[in-house]
């Protein structure tokens, strides 16, 4: 049960214990799937491909906008675990935006198979564009940023396709 409250004139939101616990489990799964099931990208220091985005996208389906916190913090923590701390600040923002954009698109009709694909694809494109911009800023080399984008497109597919296909089954579990 979610409800709004005011504390000291500021609007706050109360989160149910079930939602909080589900968010915590999804964040732990995001960290594990990102850090411990990752494959390094050749010739790209600190870059890796992983199934963590599947959890983030499924989180959007299950917990809505709270998946932005799950994705941002989960990816942030995972970057440090795998030794890619230089990417952690960008990951915090990029993965949160990825989940938020996805949510903003699918919230209109969450049971729509095709709208879910559009939302996940848009979120994934935000991820690709975000890491492109960060890589370019980090290295100052447009070619290096473009090359990393090719691997980020693979990362996008690794996240979107399975999440899109299994989301209806996961939603039927009524975890939240």
N, C-alpha and C. Protein backbone atom coordinates (compact mmCIF):
# COMPACT_ATOMS: atom_id res chain seq x y z
N UNK A 1 0.85 -1.18 0.00
CA UNK A 1 0.00 0.00 0.00
C UNK A 1 0.89 1.23 0.00
N UNK A 2 0.72 2.08 -0.99
CA UNK A 2 1.48 3.31 -1.08
C UNK A 2 0.59 4.48 -0.73
N UNK A 3 1.11 5.42 0.03
CA UNK A 3 0.33 6.61 0.33
C UNK A 3 1.27 7.80 0.46
N UNK A 4 0.72 8.98 0.19
CA UNK A 4 1.49 10.21 0.32
C UNK A 4 1.34 10.76 1.73
N UNK A 5 2.35 11.41 2.22
CA UNK A 5 2.30 12.03 3.53
C UNK A 5 3.09 13.33 3.47
N UNK A 6 2.88 14.20 4.44
CA UNK A 6 3.66 15.44 4.53
C UNK A 6 4.43 15.43 5.83
N UNK A 7 5.73 15.72 5.72
CA UNK A 7 6.59 15.82 6.90
C UNK A 7 7.28 17.16 6.82
N UNK A 8 7.00 18.03 7.78
CA UNK A 8 7.63 19.35 7.77
C UNK A 8 7.33 20.14 6.52
N UNK A 9 6.15 19.97 5.96
CA UNK A 9 5.77 20.70 4.76
C UNK A 9 6.26 20.05 3.47
N UNK A 10 7.10 19.04 3.56
CA UNK A 10 7.60 18.36 2.37
C UNK A 10 6.76 17.13 2.08
N UNK A 11 6.43 16.92 0.84
CA UNK A 11 5.65 15.75 0.46
C UNK A 11 6.58 14.55 0.38
N UNK A 12 6.21 13.49 1.05
CA UNK A 12 6.99 12.26 1.03
C UNK A 12 6.10 11.11 0.60
N UNK A 13 6.69 9.99 0.30
CA UNK A 13 5.91 8.83 -0.09
C UNK A 13 6.26 7.68 0.84
N UNK A 14 5.25 7.05 1.37
CA UNK A 14 5.47 5.86 2.19
C UNK A 14 5.47 4.65 1.26
N UNK A 15 6.38 3.75 1.51
CA UNK A 15 6.51 2.55 0.68
C UNK A 15 6.19 1.34 1.55
N UNK A 16 5.40 0.44 1.01
CA UNK A 16 5.05 -0.75 1.77
C UNK A 16 6.28 -1.62 2.01
N UNK A 17 6.22 -2.41 3.05
CA UNK A 17 7.33 -3.32 3.36
C UNK A 17 7.54 -4.28 2.21
N UNK A 18 6.46 -4.76 1.62
CA UNK A 18 6.57 -5.70 0.50
C UNK A 18 7.29 -5.06 -0.69
N UNK A 19 6.96 -3.79 -0.99
CA UNK A 19 7.61 -3.08 -2.10
C UNK A 19 9.08 -2.85 -1.79
N UNK A 20 9.37 -2.47 -0.55
CA UNK A 20 10.75 -2.24 -0.14
C UNK A 20 11.58 -3.52 -0.23
N UNK A 21 11.02 -4.62 0.25
CA UNK A 21 11.73 -5.90 0.20
C UNK A 21 11.92 -6.38 -1.24
N UNK A 22 10.89 -6.22 -2.06
CA UNK A 22 11.01 -6.60 -3.47
C UNK A 22 12.09 -5.77 -4.15
N UNK A 23 12.13 -4.48 -3.86
CA UNK A 23 13.15 -3.60 -4.44
C UNK A 23 14.54 -4.03 -4.00
N UNK A 24 14.70 -4.38 -2.73
CA UNK A 24 16.00 -4.81 -2.22
C UNK A 24 16.46 -6.11 -2.88
N UNK A 25 15.53 -7.04 -3.05
CA UNK A 25 15.87 -8.31 -3.71
C UNK A 25 16.25 -8.06 -5.16
N UNK A 26 15.49 -7.21 -5.85
CA UNK A 26 15.82 -6.89 -7.25
C UNK A 26 17.17 -6.19 -7.36
N UNK A 27 17.50 -5.33 -6.39
CA UNK A 27 18.80 -4.67 -6.43
C UNK A 27 19.92 -5.69 -6.24
N UNK A 28 19.74 -6.61 -5.29
CA UNK A 28 20.75 -7.65 -5.07
C UNK A 28 20.91 -8.52 -6.32
N UNK A 29 19.79 -8.86 -6.95
CA UNK A 29 19.85 -9.65 -8.19
C UNK A 29 20.55 -8.88 -9.30
N UNK A 30 20.29 -7.56 -9.37
CA UNK A 30 20.95 -6.73 -10.38
C UNK A 30 22.46 -6.73 -10.16
N UNK A 31 22.88 -6.56 -8.91
CA UNK A 31 24.32 -6.57 -8.61
C UNK A 31 24.92 -7.91 -9.00
N UNK A 32 24.28 -9.00 -8.59
CA UNK A 32 24.82 -10.34 -8.88
C UNK A 32 24.86 -10.63 -10.38
N UNK A 33 23.77 -10.34 -11.07
CA UNK A 33 23.72 -10.62 -12.52
C UNK A 33 24.69 -9.73 -13.29
N UNK A 34 24.94 -8.53 -12.78
CA UNK A 34 25.85 -7.60 -13.46
C UNK A 34 27.31 -7.94 -13.15
N UNK A 35 27.61 -8.15 -11.89
CA UNK A 35 29.01 -8.32 -11.48
C UNK A 35 29.53 -9.74 -11.66
N UNK A 36 28.68 -10.72 -11.41
CA UNK A 36 29.19 -12.09 -11.36
C UNK A 36 28.83 -12.93 -12.58
N UNK A 37 28.06 -12.37 -13.49
CA UNK A 37 27.72 -13.08 -14.72
C UNK A 37 28.14 -12.24 -15.93
N UNK A 38 29.22 -11.49 -15.77
CA UNK A 38 29.64 -10.55 -16.81
C UNK A 38 30.77 -11.14 -17.67
N UNK A 39 30.85 -10.59 -18.87
CA UNK A 39 31.89 -10.97 -19.82
C UNK A 39 32.59 -9.70 -20.26
N UNK A 40 33.91 -9.61 -20.07
CA UNK A 40 34.63 -8.38 -20.45
C UNK A 40 34.58 -8.14 -21.96
N UNK A 41 34.53 -6.86 -22.31
CA UNK A 41 34.55 -6.47 -23.72
C UNK A 41 36.01 -6.32 -24.13
N UNK A 42 36.42 -7.00 -25.22
CA UNK A 42 37.82 -6.92 -25.65
C UNK A 42 38.23 -5.49 -26.00
N UNK A 43 39.44 -5.13 -25.61
CA UNK A 43 40.04 -3.83 -25.93
C UNK A 43 39.30 -2.63 -25.37
N UNK A 44 38.44 -2.83 -24.38
CA UNK A 44 37.71 -1.72 -23.76
C UNK A 44 37.91 -1.83 -22.25
N UNK A 45 38.85 -1.10 -21.70
CA UNK A 45 39.17 -1.16 -20.28
C UNK A 45 37.93 -0.92 -19.43
N UNK A 46 37.57 -1.90 -18.60
CA UNK A 46 36.47 -1.75 -17.67
C UNK A 46 35.09 -2.01 -18.23
N UNK A 47 34.97 -2.22 -19.54
CA UNK A 47 33.65 -2.46 -20.15
C UNK A 47 33.33 -3.95 -20.13
N UNK A 48 32.05 -4.26 -19.94
CA UNK A 48 31.64 -5.66 -19.90
C UNK A 48 30.17 -5.78 -20.29
N UNK A 49 29.80 -6.98 -20.75
CA UNK A 49 28.42 -7.29 -21.12
C UNK A 49 27.88 -8.24 -20.05
N UNK A 50 26.61 -8.04 -19.68
CA UNK A 50 26.04 -8.80 -18.56
C UNK A 50 24.52 -8.89 -18.68
N UNK A 51 23.90 -9.80 -17.92
CA UNK A 51 22.43 -9.92 -17.93
C UNK A 51 21.73 -9.06 -16.88
N UNK A 52 22.43 -8.14 -16.25
CA UNK A 52 21.83 -7.31 -15.21
C UNK A 52 20.67 -6.46 -15.70
N UNK A 53 20.73 -6.03 -16.95
CA UNK A 53 19.64 -5.19 -17.48
C UNK A 53 18.32 -5.96 -17.58
N UNK A 54 18.40 -7.26 -17.69
CA UNK A 54 17.17 -8.07 -17.68
C UNK A 54 16.45 -7.84 -16.36
N UNK A 55 17.19 -7.86 -15.26
CA UNK A 55 16.59 -7.66 -13.94
C UNK A 55 16.03 -6.25 -13.82
N UNK A 56 16.75 -5.27 -14.34
CA UNK A 56 16.28 -3.88 -14.27
C UNK A 56 14.96 -3.73 -15.03
N UNK A 57 14.89 -4.27 -16.25
CA UNK A 57 13.66 -4.16 -17.03
C UNK A 57 12.51 -4.93 -16.39
N UNK A 58 12.80 -6.09 -15.83
CA UNK A 58 11.75 -6.84 -15.12
C UNK A 58 11.32 -6.06 -13.86
N UNK A 59 12.27 -5.35 -13.27
CA UNK A 59 11.95 -4.50 -12.13
C UNK A 59 10.96 -3.41 -12.51
N UNK A 60 11.11 -2.84 -13.69
CA UNK A 60 10.16 -1.83 -14.15
C UNK A 60 8.76 -2.41 -14.22
N UNK A 61 8.66 -3.63 -14.73
CA UNK A 61 7.36 -4.30 -14.84
C UNK A 61 6.77 -4.57 -13.45
N UNK A 62 7.63 -4.94 -12.51
CA UNK A 62 7.16 -5.33 -11.18
C UNK A 62 6.95 -4.16 -10.21
N UNK A 63 7.89 -3.23 -10.18
CA UNK A 63 7.84 -2.18 -9.16
C UNK A 63 7.79 -0.77 -9.73
N UNK A 64 7.62 -0.65 -11.03
CA UNK A 64 7.45 0.66 -11.64
C UNK A 64 8.65 1.57 -11.51
N UNK A 65 8.41 2.83 -11.13
CA UNK A 65 9.51 3.81 -11.12
C UNK A 65 10.59 3.51 -10.08
N UNK A 66 10.30 2.68 -9.09
CA UNK A 66 11.33 2.31 -8.11
C UNK A 66 12.47 1.53 -8.76
N UNK A 67 12.22 0.98 -9.92
CA UNK A 67 13.27 0.27 -10.64
C UNK A 67 14.41 1.20 -11.03
N UNK A 68 14.16 2.50 -11.08
CA UNK A 68 15.24 3.45 -11.37
C UNK A 68 16.29 3.42 -10.26
N UNK A 69 15.84 3.31 -9.02
CA UNK A 69 16.78 3.21 -7.88
C UNK A 69 17.49 1.87 -7.93
N UNK A 70 16.73 0.81 -8.20
CA UNK A 70 17.30 -0.55 -8.31
C UNK A 70 18.39 -0.58 -9.37
N UNK A 71 18.07 -0.07 -10.56
CA UNK A 71 19.03 -0.11 -11.67
C UNK A 71 20.24 0.77 -11.44
N UNK A 72 20.00 2.00 -10.98
CA UNK A 72 21.11 2.93 -10.77
C UNK A 72 22.07 2.45 -9.69
N UNK A 73 21.54 2.13 -8.53
CA UNK A 73 22.41 1.69 -7.44
C UNK A 73 22.98 0.29 -7.67
N UNK A 74 22.17 -0.60 -8.22
CA UNK A 74 22.67 -1.95 -8.50
C UNK A 74 23.83 -1.94 -9.47
N UNK A 75 23.70 -1.18 -10.55
CA UNK A 75 24.79 -1.06 -11.53
C UNK A 75 26.01 -0.36 -10.95
N UNK A 76 25.76 0.67 -10.15
CA UNK A 76 26.83 1.43 -9.50
C UNK A 76 27.69 0.51 -8.63
N UNK A 77 27.03 -0.28 -7.80
CA UNK A 77 27.74 -1.22 -6.91
C UNK A 77 28.50 -2.26 -7.73
N UNK A 78 27.84 -2.80 -8.76
CA UNK A 78 28.47 -3.83 -9.59
C UNK A 78 29.72 -3.30 -10.29
N UNK A 79 29.70 -2.05 -10.74
CA UNK A 79 30.89 -1.48 -11.39
C UNK A 79 32.10 -1.52 -10.45
N UNK A 80 31.89 -1.21 -9.20
CA UNK A 80 33.01 -1.28 -8.25
C UNK A 80 33.46 -2.71 -8.01
N UNK A 81 32.53 -3.63 -7.95
CA UNK A 81 32.88 -5.03 -7.71
C UNK A 81 33.75 -5.57 -8.84
N UNK A 82 33.44 -5.23 -10.09
CA UNK A 82 34.20 -5.77 -11.22
C UNK A 82 35.43 -4.93 -11.56
N UNK A 83 35.68 -3.88 -10.80
CA UNK A 83 36.87 -3.07 -11.05
C UNK A 83 36.67 -2.02 -12.12
N UNK A 84 35.44 -1.65 -12.39
CA UNK A 84 35.14 -0.63 -13.39
C UNK A 84 34.60 0.63 -12.71
N UNK A 85 35.21 0.99 -11.59
CA UNK A 85 34.74 2.13 -10.82
C UNK A 85 34.69 3.44 -11.59
N UNK A 86 35.52 3.56 -12.60
CA UNK A 86 35.52 4.79 -13.41
C UNK A 86 34.17 4.98 -14.10
N UNK A 87 33.44 3.89 -14.32
CA UNK A 87 32.13 3.97 -14.96
C UNK A 87 30.98 4.13 -13.96
N UNK A 88 31.26 3.93 -12.66
CA UNK A 88 30.20 3.90 -11.65
C UNK A 88 29.34 5.17 -11.61
N UNK A 89 29.92 6.38 -11.62
CA UNK A 89 29.05 7.56 -11.58
C UNK A 89 28.11 7.64 -12.79
N UNK A 90 28.64 7.31 -13.95
CA UNK A 90 27.80 7.33 -15.15
C UNK A 90 26.74 6.25 -15.07
N UNK A 91 27.11 5.08 -14.59
CA UNK A 91 26.16 3.96 -14.48
C UNK A 91 25.01 4.32 -13.54
N UNK A 92 25.31 4.97 -12.45
CA UNK A 92 24.27 5.39 -11.50
C UNK A 92 23.17 6.18 -12.21
N UNK A 93 23.58 7.14 -13.02
CA UNK A 93 22.63 8.00 -13.74
C UNK A 93 22.02 7.28 -14.94
N UNK A 94 22.85 6.62 -15.73
CA UNK A 94 22.38 6.00 -16.98
C UNK A 94 21.39 4.89 -16.72
N UNK A 95 21.69 3.99 -15.79
CA UNK A 95 20.77 2.87 -15.52
C UNK A 95 19.48 3.36 -14.88
N UNK A 96 19.57 4.40 -14.04
CA UNK A 96 18.35 4.97 -13.47
C UNK A 96 17.48 5.58 -14.57
N UNK A 97 18.10 6.33 -15.48
CA UNK A 97 17.34 6.91 -16.59
C UNK A 97 16.78 5.84 -17.51
N UNK A 98 17.55 4.77 -17.73
CA UNK A 98 17.08 3.66 -18.57
C UNK A 98 15.78 3.10 -18.02
N UNK A 99 15.75 2.84 -16.71
CA UNK A 99 14.54 2.29 -16.08
C UNK A 99 13.41 3.30 -16.09
N UNK A 100 13.72 4.55 -15.81
CA UNK A 100 12.68 5.58 -15.75
C UNK A 100 12.03 5.81 -17.10
N UNK A 101 12.83 5.88 -18.15
CA UNK A 101 12.28 6.06 -19.51
C UNK A 101 11.39 4.87 -19.86
N UNK A 102 11.87 3.68 -19.57
CA UNK A 102 11.07 2.48 -19.83
C UNK A 102 9.74 2.56 -19.10
N UNK A 103 9.78 2.92 -17.83
CA UNK A 103 8.55 3.03 -17.03
C UNK A 103 7.60 4.08 -17.61
N UNK A 104 8.13 5.24 -17.97
CA UNK A 104 7.27 6.31 -18.47
C UNK A 104 6.53 5.91 -19.75
N UNK A 105 7.11 5.01 -20.51
CA UNK A 105 6.45 4.55 -21.74
C UNK A 105 5.45 3.44 -21.44
N UNK A 106 5.82 2.47 -20.62
CA UNK A 106 4.91 1.33 -20.43
C UNK A 106 3.81 1.59 -19.41
N UNK A 107 3.93 2.63 -18.60
CA UNK A 107 2.92 2.87 -17.56
C UNK A 107 1.54 3.14 -18.14
N UNK A 108 1.48 3.64 -19.35
CA UNK A 108 0.20 3.95 -19.97
C UNK A 108 -0.65 2.70 -20.20
N UNK A 109 0.03 1.63 -20.57
CA UNK A 109 -0.66 0.37 -20.83
C UNK A 109 0.31 -0.76 -20.51
N UNK A 110 0.48 -1.07 -19.21
CA UNK A 110 1.53 -2.01 -18.79
C UNK A 110 1.37 -3.43 -19.31
N UNK A 111 0.19 -3.82 -19.73
CA UNK A 111 0.01 -5.18 -20.22
C UNK A 111 0.21 -5.31 -21.73
N UNK A 112 0.52 -4.21 -22.39
CA UNK A 112 0.73 -4.24 -23.83
C UNK A 112 2.09 -4.84 -24.16
N UNK A 113 2.06 -5.94 -24.87
CA UNK A 113 3.28 -6.64 -25.27
C UNK A 113 4.19 -5.72 -26.10
N UNK A 114 3.60 -4.98 -27.04
CA UNK A 114 4.39 -4.14 -27.95
C UNK A 114 4.83 -2.84 -27.29
N UNK A 115 3.99 -2.27 -26.43
CA UNK A 115 4.39 -1.07 -25.72
C UNK A 115 5.53 -1.38 -24.74
N UNK A 116 5.49 -2.58 -24.16
CA UNK A 116 6.58 -3.01 -23.28
C UNK A 116 7.89 -3.09 -24.07
N UNK A 117 7.82 -3.62 -25.28
CA UNK A 117 9.02 -3.67 -26.13
C UNK A 117 9.51 -2.26 -26.44
N UNK A 118 8.60 -1.36 -26.78
CA UNK A 118 8.98 0.02 -27.09
C UNK A 118 9.64 0.69 -25.88
N UNK A 119 9.07 0.47 -24.70
CA UNK A 119 9.65 1.07 -23.49
C UNK A 119 11.03 0.53 -23.18
N UNK A 120 11.17 -0.78 -23.28
CA UNK A 120 12.48 -1.39 -23.01
C UNK A 120 13.51 -0.97 -24.05
N UNK A 121 13.09 -0.91 -25.31
CA UNK A 121 14.02 -0.48 -26.37
C UNK A 121 14.44 0.98 -26.17
N UNK A 122 13.48 1.84 -25.81
CA UNK A 122 13.81 3.24 -25.57
C UNK A 122 14.78 3.36 -24.39
N UNK A 123 14.52 2.62 -23.33
CA UNK A 123 15.43 2.63 -22.18
C UNK A 123 16.82 2.16 -22.58
N UNK A 124 16.88 1.12 -23.38
CA UNK A 124 18.17 0.59 -23.83
C UNK A 124 18.91 1.61 -24.71
N UNK A 125 18.19 2.33 -25.53
CA UNK A 125 18.83 3.36 -26.37
C UNK A 125 19.36 4.51 -25.51
N UNK A 126 18.66 4.83 -24.42
CA UNK A 126 19.18 5.82 -23.48
C UNK A 126 20.50 5.33 -22.89
N UNK A 127 20.56 4.03 -22.58
CA UNK A 127 21.79 3.45 -22.05
C UNK A 127 22.93 3.56 -23.07
N UNK A 128 22.66 3.21 -24.30
CA UNK A 128 23.69 3.28 -25.35
C UNK A 128 24.17 4.72 -25.53
N UNK A 129 23.24 5.66 -25.62
CA UNK A 129 23.60 7.07 -25.80
C UNK A 129 24.35 7.61 -24.58
N UNK A 130 23.92 7.21 -23.40
CA UNK A 130 24.58 7.68 -22.18
C UNK A 130 26.02 7.21 -22.08
N UNK A 131 26.24 5.94 -22.36
CA UNK A 131 27.62 5.44 -22.30
C UNK A 131 28.47 5.98 -23.45
N UNK A 132 27.86 6.22 -24.60
CA UNK A 132 28.58 6.85 -25.71
C UNK A 132 29.10 8.22 -25.27
N UNK A 133 28.21 9.03 -24.69
CA UNK A 133 28.59 10.37 -24.25
C UNK A 133 29.66 10.30 -23.15
N UNK A 134 29.49 9.38 -22.22
CA UNK A 134 30.45 9.27 -21.12
C UNK A 134 31.82 8.79 -21.62
N UNK A 135 31.81 7.81 -22.50
CA UNK A 135 33.07 7.29 -23.06
C UNK A 135 33.79 8.39 -23.85
N UNK A 136 33.04 9.16 -24.61
CA UNK A 136 33.63 10.25 -25.39
C UNK A 136 34.24 11.29 -24.45
N UNK A 137 33.49 11.63 -23.39
CA UNK A 137 33.99 12.60 -22.42
C UNK A 137 35.23 12.04 -21.69
N UNK A 138 35.20 10.76 -21.37
CA UNK A 138 36.28 10.13 -20.62
C UNK A 138 37.56 10.05 -21.44
N UNK A 139 37.43 9.63 -22.70
CA UNK A 139 38.62 9.41 -23.53
C UNK A 139 38.94 10.58 -24.45
N UNK A 140 37.95 11.38 -24.76
CA UNK A 140 38.15 12.46 -25.72
C UNK A 140 38.26 11.95 -27.15
N UNK A 141 37.94 10.66 -27.35
CA UNK A 141 38.07 10.05 -28.67
C UNK A 141 36.70 9.59 -29.17
N UNK A 142 36.26 10.20 -30.23
CA UNK A 142 34.97 9.85 -30.82
C UNK A 142 34.96 8.40 -31.31
N UNK A 143 36.07 7.96 -31.90
CA UNK A 143 36.15 6.59 -32.43
C UNK A 143 36.03 5.56 -31.31
N UNK A 144 36.66 5.81 -30.18
CA UNK A 144 36.58 4.88 -29.05
C UNK A 144 35.15 4.83 -28.51
N UNK A 145 34.50 5.99 -28.45
CA UNK A 145 33.11 6.04 -27.98
C UNK A 145 32.19 5.29 -28.94
N UNK A 146 32.43 5.45 -30.23
CA UNK A 146 31.62 4.75 -31.23
C UNK A 146 31.83 3.24 -31.14
N UNK A 147 33.06 2.83 -30.94
CA UNK A 147 33.36 1.40 -30.82
C UNK A 147 32.67 0.81 -29.59
N UNK A 148 32.69 1.53 -28.49
CA UNK A 148 32.03 1.02 -27.29
C UNK A 148 30.52 0.95 -27.48
N UNK A 149 29.99 1.82 -28.31
CA UNK A 149 28.54 1.80 -28.59
C UNK A 149 28.11 0.51 -29.26
N UNK A 150 28.98 -0.07 -30.07
CA UNK A 150 28.64 -1.35 -30.71
C UNK A 150 28.42 -2.43 -29.64
N UNK A 151 29.29 -2.45 -28.63
CA UNK A 151 29.12 -3.42 -27.55
C UNK A 151 27.92 -3.08 -26.67
N UNK A 152 27.65 -1.79 -26.53
CA UNK A 152 26.48 -1.39 -25.76
C UNK A 152 25.18 -1.76 -26.48
N UNK A 153 25.21 -1.79 -27.80
CA UNK A 153 24.04 -2.27 -28.55
C UNK A 153 23.82 -3.76 -28.29
N UNK A 154 24.91 -4.52 -28.19
CA UNK A 154 24.80 -5.94 -27.83
C UNK A 154 24.25 -6.05 -26.41
N UNK A 155 24.77 -5.21 -25.50
CA UNK A 155 24.27 -5.19 -24.13
C UNK A 155 22.78 -4.88 -24.11
N UNK A 156 22.35 -3.95 -24.96
CA UNK A 156 20.93 -3.59 -25.04
C UNK A 156 20.08 -4.80 -25.44
N UNK A 157 20.54 -5.52 -26.44
CA UNK A 157 19.79 -6.70 -26.89
C UNK A 157 19.77 -7.78 -25.81
N UNK A 158 20.90 -7.95 -25.11
CA UNK A 158 20.98 -8.94 -24.03
C UNK A 158 19.98 -8.60 -22.92
N UNK A 159 19.74 -7.33 -22.70
CA UNK A 159 18.80 -6.92 -21.67
C UNK A 159 17.36 -6.92 -22.12
N UNK A 160 17.10 -6.38 -23.30
CA UNK A 160 15.72 -6.18 -23.76
C UNK A 160 15.03 -7.47 -24.17
N UNK A 161 15.63 -8.25 -25.03
CA UNK A 161 14.93 -9.41 -25.61
C UNK A 161 14.44 -10.40 -24.55
N UNK A 162 15.31 -10.89 -23.67
CA UNK A 162 14.80 -11.84 -22.65
C UNK A 162 13.78 -11.20 -21.71
N UNK A 163 14.03 -9.95 -21.29
CA UNK A 163 13.10 -9.29 -20.37
C UNK A 163 11.73 -9.11 -21.02
N UNK A 164 11.72 -8.70 -22.27
CA UNK A 164 10.47 -8.50 -23.00
C UNK A 164 9.70 -9.81 -23.12
N UNK A 165 10.40 -10.88 -23.39
CA UNK A 165 9.74 -12.17 -23.58
C UNK A 165 9.23 -12.80 -22.29
N UNK A 166 9.97 -12.64 -21.20
CA UNK A 166 9.54 -13.31 -19.96
C UNK A 166 8.74 -12.41 -19.02
N UNK A 167 8.65 -11.12 -19.31
CA UNK A 167 7.92 -10.19 -18.44
C UNK A 167 6.47 -10.62 -18.18
N UNK A 168 5.72 -11.07 -19.18
CA UNK A 168 4.33 -11.48 -18.88
C UNK A 168 4.26 -12.60 -17.85
N UNK A 169 5.15 -13.56 -17.93
CA UNK A 169 5.15 -14.67 -16.97
C UNK A 169 5.54 -14.18 -15.58
N UNK A 170 6.53 -13.31 -15.51
CA UNK A 170 6.97 -12.78 -14.21
C UNK A 170 5.86 -11.95 -13.58
N UNK A 171 5.17 -11.17 -14.39
CA UNK A 171 4.07 -10.34 -13.86
C UNK A 171 2.94 -11.21 -13.30
N UNK A 172 2.69 -12.35 -13.92
CA UNK A 172 1.62 -13.25 -13.45
C UNK A 172 1.95 -13.88 -12.10
N UNK A 173 3.20 -13.81 -11.67
CA UNK A 173 3.57 -14.35 -10.36
C UNK A 173 3.06 -13.49 -9.21
N UNK A 174 2.65 -12.27 -9.50
CA UNK A 174 2.10 -11.34 -8.50
C UNK A 174 3.03 -11.20 -7.30
N UNK A 175 4.30 -10.91 -7.58
CA UNK A 175 5.27 -10.76 -6.51
C UNK A 175 5.05 -9.49 -5.69
N UNK A 176 4.46 -8.50 -6.31
CA UNK A 176 4.21 -7.23 -5.60
C UNK A 176 2.74 -6.92 -5.66
